[in-house]
């Protein structure tokens, strides 16, 4: 499932390329297979949102503001189950904590010392989810540093806008969609996430963490519901780190 695209550099390497051109190239790069898979997943989410009793404005607000699909699903489940605001906020925060290290890994790649403004970093951080992050980590190093931030901003803006519109269309048409098809589209996202993260993993520790996480995930889902994602990441990542560290020292 290739999400690595060749981004052609400017023909004249001595001529600077404006930020608007890099944004346009990023928007054009958003037309990709990963974007289509993510859109299909949000089409499936539109059926879940409507079945949970959310209105169209509420569904679109959650799509545009929360953006990361797992966090949206957690929030939708919390709302439909009738839990209070504080437990719902804690659940979403736990589901979204994984985005912080992803953002910390991306920011140094796009930041230009002395030129990049804080509001620009805050803007692109909103688009940090698995699809955009994997694409950025694989493709941004091939770009000149001055073009990375506007390119990623264009990519994230185009991707979010398209998914936002398609979610609204799907919400209005979901009654005509078979429930089996809606569920199948929704399941495309975790399948794609696993494949993308595996292909983007460059260290043995990353792949070890994924394998251990896939093993521990069902266990924590059964015995620690609500905190399963947190415990899977914490325990699985720690075990993978210790195993790979001892392997490098020749102790295993």
C-alpha atoms as a PDB file:
ATOM      1  CA  UNK A   1       0.000   0.000   0.000  1.00  0.00           C
ATOM      2  CA  UNK A   2       2.335   2.730  -1.194  1.00  0.00           C
ATOM      3  CA  UNK A   3       1.921   6.128   0.398  1.00  0.00           C
ATOM      4  CA  UNK A   4       5.402   7.303  -0.577  1.00  0.00           C
ATOM      5  CA  UNK A   5       5.210   9.656  -3.538  1.00  0.00           C
ATOM      6  CA  UNK A   6       8.004  11.155  -5.543  1.00  0.00           C
ATOM      7  CA  UNK A   7       7.859  14.911  -5.063  1.00  0.00           C
ATOM      8  CA  UNK A   8       9.577  16.648  -7.898  1.00  0.00           C
ATOM      9  CA  UNK A   9      11.925  19.444  -6.804  1.00  0.00           C
ATOM     10  CA  UNK A  10      11.843  22.810  -8.538  1.00  0.00           C
ATOM     11  CA  UNK A  11      13.532  22.808 -11.915  1.00  0.00           C
ATOM     12  CA  UNK A  12      15.770  25.711 -10.999  1.00  0.00           C
ATOM     13  CA  UNK A  13      17.467  24.821  -7.733  1.00  0.00           C
ATOM     14  CA  UNK A  14      18.800  28.364  -7.335  1.00  0.00           C
ATOM     15  CA  UNK A  15      15.366  29.967  -7.541  1.00  0.00           C
ATOM     16  CA  UNK A  16      13.479  30.018  -4.213  1.00  0.00           C
ATOM     17  CA  UNK A  17      10.018  28.479  -4.193  1.00  0.00           C
ATOM     18  CA  UNK A  18       7.337  30.445  -2.369  1.00  0.00           C
ATOM     19  CA  UNK A  19       5.358  29.014   0.498  1.00  0.00           C
ATOM     20  CA  UNK A  20       2.145  29.155  -1.541  1.00  0.00           C
ATOM     21  CA  UNK A  21       3.650  26.908  -4.205  1.00  0.00           C
ATOM     22  CA  UNK A  22       4.741  24.402  -1.567  1.00  0.00           C
ATOM     23  CA  UNK A  23       1.241  24.497  -0.051  1.00  0.00           C
ATOM     24  CA  UNK A  24      -0.261  23.840  -3.472  1.00  0.00           C
ATOM     25  CA  UNK A  25       2.075  20.888  -3.954  1.00  0.00           C
ATOM     26  CA  UNK A  26       1.097  19.551  -0.546  1.00  0.00           C
ATOM     27  CA  UNK A  27      -2.598  19.889  -1.392  1.00  0.00           C
ATOM     28  CA  UNK A  28      -2.019  18.033  -4.646  1.00  0.00           C
ATOM     29  CA  UNK A  29      -0.148  15.270  -2.794  1.00  0.00           C
ATOM     30  CA  UNK A  30      -3.207  14.768  -0.567  1.00  0.00           C
ATOM     31  CA  UNK A  31      -4.887  13.076  -3.540  1.00  0.00           C
ATOM     32  CA  UNK A  32      -3.593   9.632  -2.634  1.00  0.00           C
ATOM     33  CA  UNK A  33      -4.628   6.113  -1.643  1.00  0.00           C
ATOM     34  CA  UNK A  34      -4.134   6.792   2.111  1.00  0.00           C
ATOM     35  CA  UNK A  35      -6.459   9.793   1.839  1.00  0.00           C
ATOM     36  CA  UNK A  36      -9.114   7.686   0.112  1.00  0.00           C
ATOM     37  CA  UNK A  37      -8.858   4.995   2.787  1.00  0.00           C
ATOM     38  CA  UNK A  38      -9.187   7.582   5.543  1.00  0.00           C
ATOM     39  CA  UNK A  39     -12.192   9.104   3.764  1.00  0.00           C
ATOM     40  CA  UNK A  40     -13.820   5.682   3.528  1.00  0.00           C
ATOM     41  CA  UNK A  41     -13.298   5.212   7.252  1.00  0.00           C
ATOM     42  CA  UNK A  42     -15.003   8.533   7.999  1.00  0.00           C
ATOM     43  CA  UNK A  43     -17.880   7.470   5.773  1.00  0.00           C
ATOM     44  CA  UNK A  44     -18.244   4.499   8.080  1.00  0.00           C
ATOM     45  CA  UNK A  45     -18.006   6.825  11.090  1.00  0.00           C
ATOM     46  CA  UNK A  46     -20.853   8.931   9.694  1.00  0.00           C
ATOM     47  CA  UNK A  47     -23.077   5.858  10.030  1.00  0.00           C
ATOM     48  CA  UNK A  48     -21.911   5.356  13.607  1.00  0.00           C
ATOM     49  CA  UNK A  49     -22.565   9.006  14.463  1.00  0.00           C
ATOM     50  CA  UNK A  50     -26.052   8.961  13.018  1.00  0.00           C
ATOM     51  CA  UNK A  51     -26.856   5.678  14.731  1.00  0.00           C
ATOM     52  CA  UNK A  52     -25.645   7.177  18.039  1.00  0.00           C
ATOM     53  CA  UNK A  53     -28.077  10.079  17.726  1.00  0.00           C
ATOM     54  CA  UNK A  54     -25.594  12.821  16.828  1.00  0.00           C
ATOM     55  CA  UNK A  55     -26.874  15.602  14.613  1.00  0.00           C
ATOM     56  CA  UNK A  56     -25.124  16.676  11.420  1.00  0.00           C
ATOM     57  CA  UNK A  57     -23.581  19.832  12.984  1.00  0.00           C
ATOM     58  CA  UNK A  58     -22.319  17.793  15.962  1.00  0.00           C
ATOM     59  CA  UNK A  59     -20.809  15.167  13.663  1.00  0.00           C
ATOM     60  CA  UNK A  60     -19.074  17.777  11.512  1.00  0.00           C
ATOM     61  CA  UNK A  61     -17.837  19.715  14.544  1.00  0.00           C
ATOM     62  CA  UNK A  62     -16.241  16.586  15.988  1.00  0.00           C
ATOM     63  CA  UNK A  63     -14.723  15.694  12.631  1.00  0.00           C
ATOM     64  CA  UNK A  64     -13.177  19.120  12.109  1.00  0.00           C
ATOM     65  CA  UNK A  65     -12.073  19.886  15.662  1.00  0.00           C
ATOM     66  CA  UNK A  66     -11.061  16.496  17.060  1.00  0.00           C
ATOM     67  CA  UNK A  67      -9.930  15.073  13.706  1.00  0.00           C
ATOM     68  CA  UNK A  68      -8.147  11.932  14.949  1.00  0.00           C
ATOM     69  CA  UNK A  69     -10.641   9.141  14.238  1.00  0.00           C
ATOM     70  CA  UNK A  70      -9.977   6.935  17.327  1.00  0.00           C
ATOM     71  CA  UNK A  71     -10.539   9.921  19.603  1.00  0.00           C
ATOM     72  CA  UNK A  72     -13.739  10.801  17.747  1.00  0.00           C
ATOM     73  CA  UNK A  73     -15.016   7.252  18.158  1.00  0.00           C
ATOM     74  CA  UNK A  74     -14.202   7.327  21.893  1.00  0.00           C
ATOM     75  CA  UNK A  75     -16.032  10.641  22.298  1.00  0.00           C
ATOM     76  CA  UNK A  76     -19.020   9.382  20.314  1.00  0.00           C
ATOM     77  CA  UNK A  77     -19.210   6.279  22.486  1.00  0.00           C
ATOM     78  CA  UNK A  78     -19.008   8.366  25.635  1.00  0.00           C
ATOM     79  CA  UNK A  79     -21.802  10.644  24.456  1.00  0.00           C
ATOM     80  CA  UNK A  80     -24.069   7.773  23.380  1.00  0.00           C
ATOM     81  CA  UNK A  81     -23.546   5.944  26.680  1.00  0.00           C
ATOM     82  CA  UNK A  82     -24.539   9.019  28.666  1.00  0.00           C
ATOM     83  CA  UNK A  83     -21.360   9.449  30.728  1.00  0.00           C
ATOM     84  CA  UNK A  84     -20.521  12.842  32.164  1.00  0.00           C
ATOM     85  CA  UNK A  85     -18.332  15.515  30.636  1.00  0.00           C
ATOM     86  CA  UNK A  86     -15.305  14.832  32.854  1.00  0.00           C
ATOM     87  CA  UNK A  87     -15.119  11.056  32.179  1.00  0.00           C
ATOM     88  CA  UNK A  88     -15.599  11.708  28.458  1.00  0.00           C
ATOM     89  CA  UNK A  89     -12.791  14.289  28.469  1.00  0.00           C
ATOM     90  CA  UNK A  90     -10.468  11.890  30.315  1.00  0.00           C
ATOM     91  CA  UNK A  91     -11.249   9.078  27.867  1.00  0.00           C
ATOM     92  CA  UNK A  92     -10.531  11.284  24.860  1.00  0.00           C
ATOM     93  CA  UNK A  93      -7.337  12.587  26.452  1.00  0.00           C
ATOM     94  CA  UNK A  94      -6.090   9.033  27.044  1.00  0.00           C
ATOM     95  CA  UNK A  95      -6.933   8.065  23.471  1.00  0.00           C
ATOM     96  CA  UNK A  96      -5.104  11.144  22.158  1.00  0.00           C
ATOM     97  CA  UNK A  97      -1.971  10.996  24.300  1.00  0.00           C
ATOM     98  CA  UNK A  98      -0.255   9.026  21.507  1.00  0.00           C
ATOM     99  CA  UNK A  99      -0.351  12.152  19.336  1.00  0.00           C
ATOM    100  CA  UNK A 100       2.066  14.069  21.571  1.00  0.00           C
ATOM    101  CA  UNK A 101       5.221  12.042  20.762  1.00  0.00           C
ATOM    102  CA  UNK A 102       4.169  12.028  17.104  1.00  0.00           C
ATOM    103  CA  UNK A 103       3.989  15.830  17.153  1.00  0.00           C
ATOM    104  CA  UNK A 104       7.324  16.083  18.969  1.00  0.00           C
ATOM    105  CA  UNK A 105       8.936  13.946  16.255  1.00  0.00           C
ATOM    106  CA  UNK A 106       7.462  16.015  13.409  1.00  0.00           C
ATOM    107  CA  UNK A 107       8.041  19.571  14.656  1.00  0.00           C
ATOM    108  CA  UNK A 108      11.884  19.505  14.521  1.00  0.00           C
ATOM    109  CA  UNK A 109      11.627  18.263  10.951  1.00  0.00           C
ATOM    110  CA  UNK A 110       9.568  21.221   9.716  1.00  0.00           C
ATOM    111  CA  UNK A 111      10.822  24.008  11.963  1.00  0.00           C
ATOM    112  CA  UNK A 112      13.243  26.581  10.574  1.00  0.00           C
ATOM    113  CA  UNK A 113      15.156  28.308  13.374  1.00  0.00           C
ATOM    114  CA  UNK A 114      14.468  32.021  13.520  1.00  0.00           C
ATOM    115  CA  UNK A 115      11.793  31.939  10.796  1.00  0.00           C
ATOM    116  CA  UNK A 116       9.023  29.592  11.848  1.00  0.00           C
ATOM    117  CA  UNK A 117       6.324  31.275  13.940  1.00  0.00           C
ATOM    118  CA  UNK A 118       4.595  29.587  16.848  1.00  0.00           C
ATOM    119  CA  UNK A 119       1.134  29.925  15.322  1.00  0.00           C
ATOM    120  CA  UNK A 120       2.340  28.040  12.248  1.00  0.00           C
ATOM    121  CA  UNK A 121       3.472  25.119  14.389  1.00  0.00           C
ATOM    122  CA  UNK A 122       0.185  25.168  16.299  1.00  0.00           C
ATOM    123  CA  UNK A 123      -1.711  25.139  13.018  1.00  0.00           C
ATOM    124  CA  UNK A 124       0.016  22.118  11.516  1.00  0.00           C
ATOM    125  CA  UNK A 125      -0.082  20.247  14.835  1.00  0.00           C
ATOM    126  CA  UNK A 126      -3.844  19.955  14.416  1.00  0.00           C
ATOM    127  CA  UNK A 127      -3.306  17.683  11.409  1.00  0.00           C
ATOM    128  CA  UNK A 128      -1.008  15.267  13.247  1.00  0.00           C
ATOM    129  CA  UNK A 129      -2.797  11.939  13.038  1.00  0.00           C
ATOM    130  CA  UNK A 130      -1.540   8.643  11.691  1.00  0.00           C
ATOM    131  CA  UNK A 131      -2.261   9.260   7.989  1.00  0.00           C
ATOM    132  CA  UNK A 132      -0.659  12.709   7.756  1.00  0.00           C
ATOM    133  CA  UNK A 133       2.133  11.848  10.199  1.00  0.00           C
ATOM    134  CA  UNK A 134       3.241   8.714   8.358  1.00  0.00           C
ATOM    135  CA  UNK A 135       3.143  10.554   5.046  1.00  0.00           C
ATOM    136  CA  UNK A 136       5.115  13.469   6.457  1.00  0.00           C
ATOM    137  CA  UNK A 137       7.793  11.359   8.123  1.00  0.00           C
ATOM    138  CA  UNK A 138       8.384   9.449   4.901  1.00  0.00           C
ATOM    139  CA  UNK A 139       8.310  12.345   2.426  1.00  0.00           C
ATOM    140  CA  UNK A 140       9.304  15.568   4.191  1.00  0.00           C
ATOM    141  CA  UNK A 141      13.016  14.653   4.540  1.00  0.00           C
ATOM    142  CA  UNK A 142      13.237  14.709   0.726  1.00  0.00           C
ATOM    143  CA  UNK A 143      12.158  18.361   0.624  1.00  0.00           C
ATOM    144  CA  UNK A 144      14.197  21.491   1.376  1.00  0.00           C
ATOM    145  CA  UNK A 145      13.651  22.593   4.957  1.00  0.00           C
ATOM    146  CA  UNK A 146      11.953  25.865   3.920  1.00  0.00           C
ATOM    147  CA  UNK A 147       9.310  23.946   1.995  1.00  0.00           C
ATOM    148  CA  UNK A 148       8.450  21.293   4.573  1.00  0.00           C
ATOM    149  CA  UNK A 149       6.107  23.282   6.783  1.00  0.00           C
ATOM    150  CA  UNK A 150       4.006  24.844   3.986  1.00  0.00           C
ATOM    151  CA  UNK A 151       3.932  21.492   2.168  1.00  0.00           C
ATOM    152  CA  UNK A 152       2.621  19.696   5.251  1.00  0.00           C
ATOM    153  CA  UNK A 153       0.168  22.541   5.910  1.00  0.00           C
ATOM    154  CA  UNK A 154      -1.205  22.209   2.390  1.00  0.00           C
ATOM    155  CA  UNK A 155      -1.405  18.436   2.695  1.00  0.00           C
ATOM    156  CA  UNK A 156      -3.192  18.547   6.050  1.00  0.00           C
ATOM    157  CA  UNK A 157      -5.583  21.337   5.057  1.00  0.00           C
ATOM    158  CA  UNK A 158      -6.628  19.608   1.837  1.00  0.00           C
ATOM    159  CA  UNK A 159      -6.993  16.219   3.497  1.00  0.00           C
ATOM    160  CA  UNK A 160      -9.039  17.544   6.415  1.00  0.00           C
ATOM    161  CA  UNK A 161     -11.277  19.668   4.193  1.00  0.00           C
ATOM    162  CA  UNK A 162     -12.054  16.793   1.838  1.00  0.00           C
ATOM    163  CA  UNK A 163     -12.767  14.337   4.644  1.00  0.00           C
ATOM    164  CA  UNK A 164     -14.909  16.957   6.400  1.00  0.00           C
ATOM    165  CA  UNK A 165     -17.093  17.438   3.310  1.00  0.00           C
ATOM    166  CA  UNK A 166     -17.371  13.716   2.566  1.00  0.00           C
ATOM    167  CA  UNK A 167     -18.383  13.006   6.162  1.00  0.00           C
ATOM    168  CA  UNK A 168     -21.260  15.447   5.807  1.00  0.00           C
ATOM    169  CA  UNK A 169     -22.355  13.893   2.511  1.00  0.00           C
ATOM    170  CA  UNK A 170     -22.134  10.399   3.975  1.00  0.00           C
ATOM    171  CA  UNK A 171     -24.185  11.435   7.019  1.00  0.00           C
ATOM    172  CA  UNK A 172     -27.014  12.544   4.740  1.00  0.00           C
ATOM    173  CA  UNK A 173     -26.863   9.382   2.633  1.00  0.00           C
ATOM    174  CA  UNK A 174     -26.094   6.788   5.289  1.00  0.00           C
ATOM    175  CA  UNK A 175     -29.694   5.555   5.496  1.00  0.00           C
ATOM    176  CA  UNK A 176     -29.296   4.181   1.974  1.00  0.00           C
ATOM    177  CA  UNK A 177     -26.068   2.391   2.850  1.00  0.00           C
ATOM    178  CA  UNK A 178     -26.119  -1.240   4.064  1.00  0.00           C
ATOM    179  CA  UNK A 179     -24.889  -1.502   7.685  1.00  0.00           C
ATOM    180  CA  UNK A 180     -22.383  -4.186   6.687  1.00  0.00           C
ATOM    181  CA  UNK A 181     -20.805  -1.852   4.128  1.00  0.00           C
ATOM    182  CA  UNK A 182     -20.637   0.996   6.649  1.00  0.00           C
ATOM    183  CA  UNK A 183     -18.885  -1.233   9.179  1.00  0.00           C
ATOM    184  CA  UNK A 184     -16.456  -2.584   6.580  1.00  0.00           C
ATOM    185  CA  UNK A 185     -15.462   0.925   5.536  1.00  0.00           C
ATOM    186  CA  UNK A 186     -14.909   1.843   9.175  1.00  0.00           C
ATOM    187  CA  UNK A 187     -12.556  -1.116   9.660  1.00  0.00           C
ATOM    188  CA  UNK A 188     -10.352  -0.001   6.778  1.00  0.00           C
ATOM    189  CA  UNK A 189      -8.663   2.585   8.987  1.00  0.00           C
ATOM    190  CA  UNK A 190      -7.115   0.282  11.645  1.00  0.00           C
ATOM    191  CA  UNK A 191      -5.982  -2.102   8.904  1.00  0.00           C
ATOM    192  CA  UNK A 192      -4.346   0.743   7.010  1.00  0.00           C
ATOM    193  CA  UNK A 193      -2.822   2.181  10.203  1.00  0.00           C
ATOM    194  CA  UNK A 194      -1.094  -1.108  11.009  1.00  0.00           C
ATOM    195  CA  UNK A 195       0.256  -1.507   7.462  1.00  0.00           C
ATOM    196  CA  UNK A 196       1.439   2.106   7.268  1.00  0.00           C
ATOM    197  CA  UNK A 197       3.128   2.141  10.661  1.00  0.00           C
ATOM    198  CA  UNK A 198       4.885  -1.129   9.887  1.00  0.00           C
ATOM    199  CA  UNK A 199       6.212   0.158   6.540  1.00  0.00           C
ATOM    200  CA  UNK A 200       7.313   3.443   8.138  1.00  0.00           C
ATOM    201  CA  UNK A 201       9.110   1.733  11.043  1.00  0.00           C
ATOM    202  CA  UNK A 202      12.865   2.021  10.584  1.00  0.00           C
ATOM    203  CA  UNK A 203      14.021   0.676  13.962  1.00  0.00           C
ATOM    204  CA  UNK A 204      13.709  -2.859  15.267  1.00  0.00           C
ATOM    205  CA  UNK A 205      12.271  -1.419  18.493  1.00  0.00           C
ATOM    206  CA  UNK A 206       9.371   0.104  16.542  1.00  0.00           C
ATOM    207  CA  UNK A 207       8.450  -3.203  14.921  1.00  0.00           C
ATOM    208  CA  UNK A 208       8.888  -5.070  18.189  1.00  0.00           C
ATOM    209  CA  UNK A 209       6.545  -2.601  19.907  1.00  0.00           C
ATOM    210  CA  UNK A 210       3.918  -3.147  17.212  1.00  0.00           C
ATOM    211  CA  UNK A 211       4.080  -6.938  17.493  1.00  0.00           C
ATOM    212  CA  UNK A 212       3.889  -6.872  21.284  1.00  0.00           C
ATOM    213  CA  UNK A 213       1.076  -4.317  21.126  1.00  0.00           C
ATOM    214  CA  UNK A 214      -0.958  -6.528  18.797  1.00  0.00           C
ATOM    215  CA  UNK A 215      -0.546  -9.380  21.270  1.00  0.00           C
ATOM    216  CA  UNK A 216      -1.356  -7.365  24.392  1.00  0.00           C
ATOM    217  CA  UNK A 217      -4.174  -5.302  22.851  1.00  0.00           C
ATOM    218  CA  UNK A 218      -6.929  -7.946  23.093  1.00  0.00           C
ATOM    219  CA  UNK A 219      -5.858  -8.847  26.632  1.00  0.00           C
ATOM    220  CA  UNK A 220      -6.119  -5.268  27.936  1.00  0.00           C
ATOM    221  CA  UNK A 221      -9.341  -4.735  25.968  1.00  0.00           C
ATOM    222  CA  UNK A 222     -10.938  -7.563  27.956  1.00  0.00           C
ATOM    223  CA  UNK A 223      -9.460  -6.823  31.384  1.00  0.00           C
ATOM    224  CA  UNK A 224      -8.927  -3.040  31.317  1.00  0.00           C
ATOM    225  CA  UNK A 225     -11.672  -1.575  29.115  1.00  0.00           C
ATOM    226  CA  UNK A 226     -11.392   2.160  28.691  1.00  0.00           C
ATOM    227  CA  UNK A 227      -7.694   2.112  29.529  1.00  0.00           C
ATOM    228  CA  UNK A 228      -6.729  -0.640  27.098  1.00  0.00           C
ATOM    229  CA  UNK A 229      -5.014   1.675  24.604  1.00  0.00           C
ATOM    230  CA  UNK A 230      -2.998   3.389  27.332  1.00  0.00           C
ATOM    231  CA  UNK A 231      -1.851   0.140  28.985  1.00  0.00           C
ATOM    232  CA  UNK A 232      -1.095  -1.533  25.655  1.00  0.00           C
ATOM    233  CA  UNK A 233       1.153   1.333  24.602  1.00  0.00           C
ATOM    234  CA  UNK A 234       2.812   1.700  28.004  1.00  0.00           C
ATOM    235  CA  UNK A 235       3.482  -1.986  28.672  1.00  0.00           C
ATOM    236  CA  UNK A 236       4.149  -2.982  25.066  1.00  0.00           C
ATOM    237  CA  UNK A 237       6.479  -0.074  24.401  1.00  0.00           C
ATOM    238  CA  UNK A 238       8.400  -0.677  27.629  1.00  0.00           C
ATOM    239  CA  UNK A 239       8.858  -4.374  26.905  1.00  0.00           C
ATOM    240  CA  UNK A 240       9.968  -3.663  23.320  1.00  0.00           C
ATOM    241  CA  UNK A 241      12.453  -1.057  24.540  1.00  0.00           C
ATOM    242  CA  UNK A 242      13.956  -3.396  27.132  1.00  0.00           C
ATOM    243  CA  UNK A 243      14.185  -6.332  24.730  1.00  0.00           C
ATOM    244  CA  UNK A 244      15.890  -4.348  21.958  1.00  0.00           C
ATOM    245  CA  UNK A 245      18.200  -2.628  24.449  1.00  0.00           C
ATOM    246  CA  UNK A 246      19.409  -5.917  25.904  1.00  0.00           C
ATOM    247  CA  UNK A 247      19.724  -7.430  22.426  1.00  0.00           C
ATOM    248  CA  UNK A 248      22.071  -4.611  21.407  1.00  0.00           C
ATOM    249  CA  UNK A 249      24.199  -5.329  24.473  1.00  0.00           C
ATOM    250  CA  UNK A 250      24.285  -9.013  23.627  1.00  0.00           C
ATOM    251  CA  UNK A 251      22.504 -10.016  26.820  1.00  0.00           C
ATOM    252  CA  UNK A 252      19.699 -11.846  25.006  1.00  0.00           C
END
